[in-house]
Amino acid sequence: GMALAPSLKAMREQVEMVVKTLQRRGDKNLHYISGLELLGEADLDRMPDELHPDGDAHEIMGHRFARLAFGEEGVLLPGRVRDRDMLDFKPPLRPKRNS
């Protein structure tokens, strides 16, 4: 029979599980940030084909990554980014697409 590919959700869960396992085994240099924290369902209007982010979405993802990785509670280098404009970035409002 044909093997089914794992879903994106299952792959995310597996990656997170592997990272947590390696962290428990002492790897202090491995961190996990879910892609859904960078771009999620609320951002669908920034993905014209409902999969690939547009230009604005890439900027949003960069700002969110900076906050999650380097903000006060960052998982990589906490407190490294203190620029409020970077950490409190609000994306420009976009008109809703017609369905």
PDB file of N, CA and C in Angstrom:
ATOM      1  N   GLY A   1       0.811  -1.175   0.000  1.00  0.00           N
ATOM      2  CA  GLY A   1       0.000   0.000   0.000  1.00  0.00           C
ATOM      3  C   GLY A   1       0.864   1.251   0.000  1.00  0.00           C
ATOM      4  N   MET A   2       0.236   2.361  -0.279  1.00  0.00           N
ATOM      5  CA  MET A   2       0.943   3.630  -0.335  1.00  0.00           C
ATOM      6  C   MET A   2       0.990   4.254   1.063  1.00  0.00           C
ATOM      7  N   ALA A   3       2.173   4.686   1.465  1.00  0.00           N
ATOM      8  CA  ALA A   3       2.322   5.358   2.765  1.00  0.00           C
ATOM      9  C   ALA A   3       1.804   6.784   2.652  1.00  0.00           C
ATOM     10  N   LEU A   4       1.083   7.204   3.664  1.00  0.00           N
ATOM     11  CA  LEU A   4       0.566   8.568   3.679  1.00  0.00           C
ATOM     12  C   LEU A   4       1.582   9.487   4.332  1.00  0.00           C
ATOM     13  N   ALA A   5       1.753  10.655   3.769  1.00  0.00           N
ATOM     14  CA  ALA A   5       2.668  11.644   4.345  1.00  0.00           C
ATOM     15  C   ALA A   5       2.048  12.203   5.622  1.00  0.00           C
ATOM     16  N   PRO A   6       2.885  12.509   6.615  1.00  0.00           N
ATOM     17  CA  PRO A   6       2.336  13.102   7.846  1.00  0.00           C
ATOM     18  C   PRO A   6       1.777  14.495   7.562  1.00  0.00           C
ATOM     19  N   SER A   7       0.781  14.867   8.331  1.00  0.00           N
ATOM     20  CA  SER A   7       0.206  16.199   8.174  1.00  0.00           C
ATOM     21  C   SER A   7       1.181  17.238   8.719  1.00  0.00           C
ATOM     22  N   LEU A   8       0.973  18.473   8.325  1.00  0.00           N
ATOM     23  CA  LEU A   8       1.807  19.562   8.829  1.00  0.00           C
ATOM     24  C   LEU A   8       1.698  19.654  10.345  1.00  0.00           C
ATOM     25  N   LYS A   9       0.495  19.459  10.862  1.00  0.00           N
ATOM     26  CA  LYS A   9       0.289  19.485  12.318  1.00  0.00           C
ATOM     27  C   LYS A   9       1.110  18.385  12.989  1.00  0.00           C
ATOM     28  N   ALA A  10       1.077  17.176  12.437  1.00  0.00           N
ATOM     29  CA  ALA A  10       1.837  16.060  13.010  1.00  0.00           C
ATOM     30  C   ALA A  10       3.338  16.339  12.948  1.00  0.00           C
ATOM     31  N   MET A  11       3.802  16.913  11.841  1.00  0.00           N
ATOM     32  CA  MET A  11       5.235  17.224  11.728  1.00  0.00           C
ATOM     33  C   MET A  11       5.646  18.268  12.759  1.00  0.00           C
ATOM     34  N   ARG A  12       4.817  19.296  12.959  1.00  0.00           N
ATOM     35  CA  ARG A  12       5.121  20.312  13.975  1.00  0.00           C
ATOM     36  C   ARG A  12       5.235  19.670  15.358  1.00  0.00           C
ATOM     37  N   GLU A  13       4.279  18.797  15.668  1.00  0.00           N
ATOM     38  CA  GLU A  13       4.285  18.130  16.975  1.00  0.00           C
ATOM     39  C   GLU A  13       5.530  17.266  17.148  1.00  0.00           C
ATOM     40  N   GLN A  14       5.940  16.573  16.087  1.00  0.00           N
ATOM     41  CA  GLN A  14       7.121  15.715  16.161  1.00  0.00           C
ATOM     42  C   GLN A  14       8.387  16.537  16.365  1.00  0.00           C
ATOM     43  N   VAL A  15       8.510  17.638  15.635  1.00  0.00           N
ATOM     44  CA  VAL A  15       9.693  18.495  15.796  1.00  0.00           C
ATOM     45  C   VAL A  15       9.754  19.043  17.214  1.00  0.00           C
ATOM     46  N   GLU A  16       8.624  19.525  17.726  1.00  0.00           N
ATOM     47  CA  GLU A  16       8.603  20.055  19.088  1.00  0.00           C
ATOM     48  C   GLU A  16       8.974  18.971  20.104  1.00  0.00           C
ATOM     49  N   MET A  17       8.484  17.758  19.905  1.00  0.00           N
ATOM     50  CA  MET A  17       8.793  16.655  20.813  1.00  0.00           C
ATOM     51  C   MET A  17      10.294  16.332  20.796  1.00  0.00           C
ATOM     52  N   VAL A  18      10.894  16.313  19.613  1.00  0.00           N
ATOM     53  CA  VAL A  18      12.330  16.034  19.503  1.00  0.00           C
ATOM     54  C   VAL A  18      13.135  17.122  20.200  1.00  0.00           C
ATOM     55  N   VAL A  19      12.765  18.381  19.989  1.00  0.00           N
ATOM     56  CA  VAL A  19      13.471  19.488  20.643  1.00  0.00           C
ATOM     57  C   VAL A  19      13.375  19.352  22.157  1.00  0.00           C
ATOM     58  N   LYS A  20      12.189  19.083  22.677  1.00  0.00           N
ATOM     59  CA  LYS A  20      12.019  18.940  24.131  1.00  0.00           C
ATOM     60  C   LYS A  20      12.830  17.763  24.672  1.00  0.00           C
ATOM     61  N   THR A  21      12.868  16.666  23.928  1.00  0.00           N
ATOM     62  CA  THR A  21      13.653  15.498  24.350  1.00  0.00           C
ATOM     63  C   THR A  21      15.134  15.854  24.428  1.00  0.00           C
ATOM     64  N   LEU A  22      15.646  16.514  23.408  1.00  0.00           N
ATOM     65  CA  LEU A  22      17.062  16.893  23.397  1.00  0.00           C
ATOM     66  C   LEU A  22      17.375  17.916  24.484  1.00  0.00           C
ATOM     67  N   GLN A  23      16.438  18.822  24.759  1.00  0.00           N
ATOM     68  CA  GLN A  23      16.637  19.781  25.853  1.00  0.00           C
ATOM     69  C   GLN A  23      16.718  19.055  27.193  1.00  0.00           C
ATOM     70  N   ARG A  24      15.828  18.081  27.399  1.00  0.00           N
ATOM     71  CA  ARG A  24      15.868  17.307  28.651  1.00  0.00           C
ATOM     72  C   ARG A  24      17.184  16.552  28.789  1.00  0.00           C
ATOM     73  N   ARG A  25      17.773  16.178  27.676  1.00  0.00           N
ATOM     74  CA  ARG A  25      19.051  15.454  27.693  1.00  0.00           C
ATOM     75  C   ARG A  25      20.241  16.401  27.813  1.00  0.00           C
ATOM     76  N   GLY A  26      19.960  17.684  27.964  1.00  0.00           N
ATOM     77  CA  GLY A  26      21.024  18.633  28.250  1.00  0.00           C
ATOM     78  C   GLY A  26      21.413  19.602  27.156  1.00  0.00           C
ATOM     79  N   ASP A  27      20.761  19.560  26.008  1.00  0.00           N
ATOM     80  CA  ASP A  27      21.108  20.500  24.936  1.00  0.00           C
ATOM     81  C   ASP A  27      20.536  21.871  25.271  1.00  0.00           C
ATOM     82  N   LYS A  28      21.396  22.772  25.704  1.00  0.00           N
ATOM     83  CA  LYS A  28      20.977  24.127  26.102  1.00  0.00           C
ATOM     84  C   LYS A  28      20.951  25.093  24.915  1.00  0.00           C
ATOM     85  N   ASN A  29      21.429  24.639  23.766  1.00  0.00           N
ATOM     86  CA  ASN A  29      21.520  25.515  22.600  1.00  0.00           C
ATOM     87  C   ASN A  29      20.445  25.236  21.557  1.00  0.00           C
ATOM     88  N   LEU A  30      19.484  24.418  21.898  1.00  0.00           N
ATOM     89  CA  LEU A  30      18.411  24.080  20.979  1.00  0.00           C
ATOM     90  C   LEU A  30      17.109  24.678  21.509  1.00  0.00           C
ATOM     91  N   HIS A  31      16.399  25.394  20.645  1.00  0.00           N
ATOM     92  CA  HIS A  31      15.166  26.076  21.042  1.00  0.00           C
ATOM     93  C   HIS A  31      14.100  25.831  19.983  1.00  0.00           C
ATOM     94  N   TYR A  32      12.857  25.994  20.373  1.00  0.00           N
ATOM     95  CA  TYR A  32      11.743  25.770  19.457  1.00  0.00           C
ATOM     96  C   TYR A  32      10.796  26.961  19.495  1.00  0.00           C
ATOM     97  N   ILE A  33      10.495  27.483  18.325  1.00  0.00           N
ATOM     98  CA  ILE A  33       9.456  28.500  18.163  1.00  0.00           C
ATOM     99  C   ILE A  33       8.514  27.964  17.096  1.00  0.00           C
ATOM    100  N   SER A  34       7.262  27.826  17.445  1.00  0.00           N
ATOM    101  CA  SER A  34       6.279  27.315  16.496  1.00  0.00           C
ATOM    102  C   SER A  34       6.069  28.316  15.369  1.00  0.00           C
ATOM    103  N   GLY A  35       6.024  27.810  14.164  1.00  0.00           N
ATOM    104  CA  GLY A  35       5.724  28.663  13.027  1.00  0.00           C
ATOM    105  C   GLY A  35       4.369  29.335  13.144  1.00  0.00           C
ATOM    106  N   LEU A  36       3.460  28.721  13.903  1.00  0.00           N
ATOM    107  CA  LEU A  36       2.133  29.310  14.099  1.00  0.00           C
ATOM    108  C   LEU A  36       2.196  30.560  14.961  1.00  0.00           C
ATOM    109  N   GLU A  37       3.283  30.722  15.726  1.00  0.00           N
ATOM    110  CA  GLU A  37       3.467  31.959  16.488  1.00  0.00           C
ATOM    111  C   GLU A  37       3.986  33.079  15.587  1.00  0.00           C
ATOM    112  N   LEU A  38       4.549  32.711  14.454  1.00  0.00           N
ATOM    113  CA  LEU A  38       5.059  33.701  13.510  1.00  0.00           C
ATOM    114  C   LEU A  38       3.982  34.129  12.521  1.00  0.00           C
ATOM    115  N   LEU A  39       3.166  33.197  12.097  1.00  0.00           N
ATOM    116  CA  LEU A  39       2.093  33.476  11.146  1.00  0.00           C
ATOM    117  C   LEU A  39       1.028  32.402  11.329  1.00  0.00           C
ATOM    118  N   GLY A  40      -0.173  32.826  11.676  1.00  0.00           N
ATOM    119  CA  GLY A  40      -1.228  31.858  11.975  1.00  0.00           C
ATOM    120  C   GLY A  40      -2.508  32.135  11.217  1.00  0.00           C
ATOM    121  N   GLU A  41      -3.571  31.511  11.680  1.00  0.00           N
ATOM    122  CA  GLU A  41      -4.872  31.633  11.011  1.00  0.00           C
ATOM    123  C   GLU A  41      -5.355  33.074  10.910  1.00  0.00           C
ATOM    124  N   ALA A  42      -5.044  33.886  11.909  1.00  0.00           N
ATOM    125  CA  ALA A  42      -5.479  35.289  11.892  1.00  0.00           C
ATOM    126  C   ALA A  42      -4.799  36.078  10.772  1.00  0.00           C
ATOM    127  N   ASP A  43      -3.768  35.502  10.172  1.00  0.00           N
ATOM    128  CA  ASP A  43      -3.007  36.187   9.126  1.00  0.00           C
ATOM    129  C   ASP A  43      -3.345  35.686   7.728  1.00  0.00           C
ATOM    130  N   LEU A  44      -4.400  34.907   7.581  1.00  0.00           N
ATOM    131  CA  LEU A  44      -4.735  34.335   6.275  1.00  0.00           C
ATOM    132  C   LEU A  44      -4.902  35.389   5.189  1.00  0.00           C
ATOM    133  N   ASP A  45      -5.361  36.590   5.563  1.00  0.00           N
ATOM    134  CA  ASP A  45      -5.539  37.636   4.549  1.00  0.00           C
ATOM    135  C   ASP A  45      -4.201  38.117   4.000  1.00  0.00           C
ATOM    136  N   ARG A  46      -3.103  37.718   4.597  1.00  0.00           N
ATOM    137  CA  ARG A  46      -1.766  38.071   4.117  1.00  0.00           C
ATOM    138  C   ARG A  46      -1.125  36.917   3.342  1.00  0.00           C
ATOM    139  N   MET A  47      -1.929  35.898   3.041  1.00  0.00           N
ATOM    140  CA  MET A  47      -1.466  34.767   2.241  1.00  0.00           C
ATOM    141  C   MET A  47      -2.414  34.629   1.057  1.00  0.00           C
ATOM    142  N   PRO A  48      -2.080  35.252  -0.065  1.00  0.00           N
ATOM    143  CA  PRO A  48      -3.000  35.299  -1.206  1.00  0.00           C
ATOM    144  C   PRO A  48      -3.503  33.926  -1.653  1.00  0.00           C
ATOM    145  N   ASP A  49      -2.650  32.907  -1.572  1.00  0.00           N
ATOM    146  CA  ASP A  49      -3.069  31.563  -1.970  1.00  0.00           C
ATOM    147  C   ASP A  49      -3.390  30.688  -0.756  1.00  0.00           C
ATOM    148  N   GLU A  50      -3.529  31.340   0.403  1.00  0.00           N
ATOM    149  CA  GLU A  50      -3.820  30.687   1.684  1.00  0.00           C
ATOM    150  C   GLU A  50      -2.721  29.730   2.121  1.00  0.00           C
ATOM    151  N   LEU A  51      -1.504  29.928   1.584  1.00  0.00           N
ATOM    152  CA  LEU A  51      -0.365  29.106   1.975  1.00  0.00           C
ATOM    153  C   LEU A  51       0.909  29.939   2.094  1.00  0.00           C
ATOM    154  N   HIS A  52       1.217  30.709   1.063  1.00  0.00           N
ATOM    155  CA  HIS A  52       2.467  31.459   1.017  1.00  0.00           C
ATOM    156  C   HIS A  52       2.256  32.905   1.468  1.00  0.00           C
ATOM    157  N   PRO A  53       3.104  33.393   2.393  1.00  0.00           N
ATOM    158  CA  PRO A  53       2.966  34.769   2.880  1.00  0.00           C
ATOM    159  C   PRO A  53       3.356  35.795   1.819  1.00  0.00           C
ATOM    160  N   ASP A  54       2.663  36.938   1.848  1.00  0.00           N
ATOM    161  CA  ASP A  54       3.024  38.039   0.949  1.00  0.00           C
ATOM    162  C   ASP A  54       4.162  38.853   1.572  1.00  0.00           C
ATOM    163  N   GLY A  55       4.542  39.938   0.931  1.00  0.00           N
ATOM    164  CA  GLY A  55       5.655  40.761   1.417  1.00  0.00           C
ATOM    165  C   GLY A  55       5.444  41.302   2.820  1.00  0.00           C
ATOM    166  N   ASP A  56       4.254  41.836   3.097  1.00  0.00           N
ATOM    167  CA  ASP A  56       3.959  42.345   4.441  1.00  0.00           C
ATOM    168  C   ASP A  56       4.066  41.236   5.481  1.00  0.00           C
ATOM    169  N   ALA A  57       3.607  40.043   5.127  1.00  0.00           N
ATOM    170  CA  ALA A  57       3.640  38.924   6.077  1.00  0.00           C
ATOM    171  C   ALA A  57       5.074  38.557   6.436  1.00  0.00           C
ATOM    172  N   HIS A  58       5.986  38.660   5.489  1.00  0.00           N
ATOM    173  CA  HIS A  58       7.391  38.373   5.802  1.00  0.00           C
ATOM    174  C   HIS A  58       7.925  39.370   6.830  1.00  0.00           C
ATOM    175  N   GLU A  59       7.551  40.627   6.688  1.00  0.00           N
ATOM    176  CA  GLU A  59       7.974  41.631   7.671  1.00  0.00           C
ATOM    177  C   GLU A  59       7.368  41.329   9.044  1.00  0.00           C
ATOM    178  N   ILE A  60       6.104  40.973   9.062  1.00  0.00           N
ATOM    179  CA  ILE A  60       5.427  40.621  10.313  1.00  0.00           C
ATOM    180  C   ILE A  60       6.127  39.442  10.971  1.00  0.00           C
ATOM    181  N   MET A  61       6.435  38.414  10.188  1.00  0.00           N
ATOM    182  CA  MET A  61       7.115  37.236  10.726  1.00  0.00           C
ATOM    183  C   MET A  61       8.468  37.610  11.326  1.00  0.00           C
ATOM    184  N   GLY A  62       9.190  38.498  10.665  1.00  0.00           N
ATOM    185  CA  GLY A  62      10.486  38.935  11.180  1.00  0.00           C
ATOM    186  C   GLY A  62      10.365  39.639  12.516  1.00  0.00           C
ATOM    187  N   HIS A  63       9.387  40.516  12.634  1.00  0.00           N
ATOM    188  CA  HIS A  63       9.172  41.224  13.899  1.00  0.00           C
ATOM    189  C   HIS A  63       8.749  40.263  15.008  1.00  0.00           C
ATOM    190  N   ARG A  64       7.865  39.346  14.673  1.00  0.00           N
ATOM    191  CA  ARG A  64       7.424  38.377  15.688  1.00  0.00           C
ATOM    192  C   ARG A  64       8.582  37.481  16.121  1.00  0.00           C
ATOM    193  N   PHE A  65       9.407  37.065  15.163  1.00  0.00           N
ATOM    194  CA  PHE A  65      10.565  36.239  15.518  1.00  0.00           C
ATOM    195  C   PHE A  65      11.508  37.017  16.429  1.00  0.00           C
ATOM    196  N   ALA A  66      11.759  38.273  16.102  1.00  0.00           N
ATOM    197  CA  ALA A  66      12.650  39.096  16.939  1.00  0.00           C
ATOM    198  C   ALA A  66      12.129  39.163  18.369  1.00  0.00           C
ATOM    199  N   ARG A  67      10.824  39.361  18.532  1.00  0.00           N
ATOM    200  CA  ARG A  67      10.237  39.427  19.875  1.00  0.00           C
ATOM    201  C   ARG A  67      10.365  38.087  20.591  1.00  0.00           C
ATOM    202  N   LEU A  68      10.017  36.994  19.901  1.00  0.00           N
ATOM    203  CA  LEU A  68      10.035  35.669  20.532  1.00  0.00           C
ATOM    204  C   LEU A  68      11.453  35.178  20.827  1.00  0.00           C
ATOM    205  N   ALA A  69      12.396  35.575  20.009  1.00  0.00           N
ATOM    206  CA  ALA A  69      13.770  35.103  20.181  1.00  0.00           C
ATOM    207  C   ALA A  69      14.619  36.042  21.022  1.00  0.00           C
ATOM    208  N   PHE A  70      14.421  37.355  20.854  1.00  0.00           N
ATOM    209  CA  PHE A  70      15.339  38.324  21.452  1.00  0.00           C
ATOM    210  C   PHE A  70      14.676  39.345  22.364  1.00  0.00           C
ATOM    211  N   GLY A  71      13.357  39.272  22.553  1.00  0.00           N
ATOM    212  CA  GLY A  71      12.658  40.174  23.464  1.00  0.00           C
ATOM    213  C   GLY A  71      12.967  39.815  24.910  1.00  0.00           C
ATOM    214  N   GLU A  72      12.320  40.487  25.833  1.00  0.00           N
ATOM    215  CA  GLU A  72      12.578  40.262  27.265  1.00  0.00           C
ATOM    216  C   GLU A  72      12.434  38.800  27.664  1.00  0.00           C
ATOM    217  N   GLU A  73      11.476  38.096  27.077  1.00  0.00           N
ATOM    218  CA  GLU A  73      11.246  36.675  27.390  1.00  0.00           C
ATOM    219  C   GLU A  73      11.783  35.778  26.275  1.00  0.00           C
ATOM    220  N   GLY A  74      12.658  36.302  25.435  1.00  0.00           N
ATOM    221  CA  GLY A  74      13.143  35.569  24.270  1.00  0.00           C
ATOM    222  C   GLY A  74      13.804  34.246  24.604  1.00  0.00           C
ATOM    223  N   VAL A  75      13.645  33.282  23.694  1.00  0.00           N
ATOM    224  CA  VAL A  75      14.211  31.956  23.931  1.00  0.00           C
ATOM    225  C   VAL A  75      15.668  31.856  23.509  1.00  0.00           C
ATOM    226  N   LEU A  76      16.163  32.774  22.688  1.00  0.00           N
ATOM    227  CA  LEU A  76      17.554  32.698  22.237  1.00  0.00           C
ATOM    228  C   LEU A  76      18.464  33.602  23.060  1.00  0.00           C
ATOM    229  N   LEU A  77      18.258  34.886  22.939  1.00  0.00           N
ATOM    230  CA  LEU A  77      19.067  35.866  23.675  1.00  0.00           C
ATOM    231  C   LEU A  77      18.115  36.861  24.329  1.00  0.00           C
ATOM    232  N   PRO A  78      17.536  36.499  25.479  1.00  0.00           N
ATOM    233  CA  PRO A  78      16.542  37.366  26.122  1.00  0.00           C
ATOM    234  C   PRO A  78      17.076  38.771  26.367  1.00  0.00           C
ATOM    235  N   GLY A  79      16.244  39.750  26.054  1.00  0.00           N
ATOM    236  CA  GLY A  79      16.596  41.137  26.314  1.00  0.00           C
ATOM    237  C   GLY A  79      17.539  41.761  25.307  1.00  0.00           C
ATOM    238  N   ARG A  80      17.932  41.023  24.278  1.00  0.00           N
ATOM    239  CA  ARG A  80      18.880  41.554  23.290  1.00  0.00           C
ATOM    240  C   ARG A  80      18.245  42.675  22.475  1.00  0.00           C
ATOM    241  N   VAL A  81      16.977  42.531  22.126  1.00  0.00           N
ATOM    242  CA  VAL A  81      16.275  43.569  21.369  1.00  0.00           C
ATOM    243  C   VAL A  81      15.423  44.360  22.347  1.00  0.00           C
ATOM    244  N   ARG A  82      15.729  45.637  22.447  1.00  0.00           N
ATOM    245  CA  ARG A  82      14.955  46.495  23.348  1.00  0.00           C
ATOM    246  C   ARG A  82      14.199  47.579  22.580  1.00  0.00           C
ATOM    247  N   ASP A  83      14.351  47.603  21.289  1.00  0.00           N
ATOM    248  CA  ASP A  83      13.700  48.596  20.442  1.00  0.00           C
ATOM    249  C   ASP A  83      12.188  48.373  20.477  1.00  0.00           C
ATOM    250  N   ARG A  84      11.468  49.285  21.102  1.00  0.00           N
ATOM    251  CA  ARG A  84      10.015  49.134  21.253  1.00  0.00           C
ATOM    252  C   ARG A  84       9.325  49.025  19.891  1.00  0.00           C
ATOM    253  N   ASP A  85       9.840  49.744  18.894  1.00  0.00           N
ATOM    254  CA  ASP A  85       9.221  49.659  17.573  1.00  0.00           C
ATOM    255  C   ASP A  85       9.309  48.241  17.020  1.00  0.00           C
ATOM    256  N   MET A  86      10.397  47.548  17.326  1.00  0.00           N
ATOM    257  CA  MET A  86      10.565  46.177  16.853  1.00  0.00           C
ATOM    258  C   MET A  86       9.656  45.227  17.633  1.00  0.00           C
ATOM    259  N   LEU A  87       9.624  45.397  18.940  1.00  0.00           N
ATOM    260  CA  LEU A  87       8.900  44.455  19.789  1.00  0.00           C
ATOM    261  C   LEU A  87       7.395  44.682  19.792  1.00  0.00           C
ATOM    262  N   ASP A  88       6.963  45.921  19.590  1.00  0.00           N
ATOM    263  CA  ASP A  88       5.536  46.243  19.621  1.00  0.00           C
ATOM    264  C   ASP A  88       4.975  46.485  18.222  1.00  0.00           C
ATOM    265  N   PHE A  89       5.629  45.953  17.228  1.00  0.00           N
ATOM    266  CA  PHE A  89       5.243  46.153  15.839  1.00  0.00           C
ATOM    267  C   PHE A  89       3.789  45.754  15.608  1.00  0.00           C
ATOM    268  N   LYS A  90       3.050  46.641  14.994  1.00  0.00           N
ATOM    269  CA  LYS A  90       1.664  46.359  14.615  1.00  0.00           C
ATOM    270  C   LYS A  90       1.594  46.406  13.090  1.00  0.00           C
ATOM    271  N   PRO A  91       1.191  45.325  12.470  1.00  0.00           N
ATOM    272  CA  PRO A  91       1.130  45.322  11.011  1.00  0.00           C
ATOM    273  C   PRO A  91       0.076  46.290  10.504  1.00  0.00           C
ATOM    274  N   PRO A  92       0.277  46.828   9.310  1.00  0.00           N
ATOM    275  CA  PRO A  92      -0.730  47.724   8.744  1.00  0.00           C
ATOM    276  C   PRO A  92      -2.031  46.962   8.521  1.00  0.00           C
ATOM    277  N   LEU A  93      -3.144  47.651   8.700  1.00  0.00           N
ATOM    278  CA  LEU A  93      -4.444  47.028   8.461  1.00  0.00           C
ATOM    279  C   LEU A  93      -4.612  46.767   6.978  1.00  0.00           C
ATOM    280  N   ARG A  94      -5.226  45.665   6.669  1.00  0.00           N
ATOM    281  CA  ARG A  94      -5.464  45.306   5.281  1.00  0.00           C
ATOM    282  C   ARG A  94      -6.950  45.082   5.089  1.00  0.00           C
ATOM    283  N   PRO A  95      -7.463  45.482   3.953  1.00  0.00           N
ATOM    284  CA  PRO A  95      -8.876  45.193   3.685  1.00  0.00           C
ATOM    285  C   PRO A  95      -9.075  43.685   3.568  1.00  0.00           C
ATOM    286  N   LYS A  96     -10.205  43.213   4.038  1.00  0.00           N
ATOM    287  CA  LYS A  96     -10.522  41.783   3.943  1.00  0.00           C
ATOM    288  C   LYS A  96     -10.763  41.415   2.491  1.00  0.00           C
ATOM    289  N   ARG A  97     -10.295  40.222   2.124  1.00  0.00           N
ATOM    290  CA  ARG A  97     -10.538  39.725   0.771  1.00  0.00           C
ATOM    291  C   ARG A  97     -11.988  39.281   0.643  1.00  0.00           C
ATOM    292  N   ASN A  98     -12.516  39.454  -0.540  1.00  0.00           N
ATOM    293  CA  ASN A  98     -13.870  38.948  -0.803  1.00  0.00           C
ATOM    294  C   ASN A  98     -13.791  37.449  -1.019  1.00  0.00           C
ATOM    295  N   SER A  99     -14.684  36.716  -0.376  1.00  0.00           N
ATOM    296  CA  SER A  99     -14.677  35.247  -0.514  1.00  0.00           C
ATOM    297  C   SER A  99     -15.564  34.815  -1.646  1.00  0.00           C
TER     298      SER A  99
END
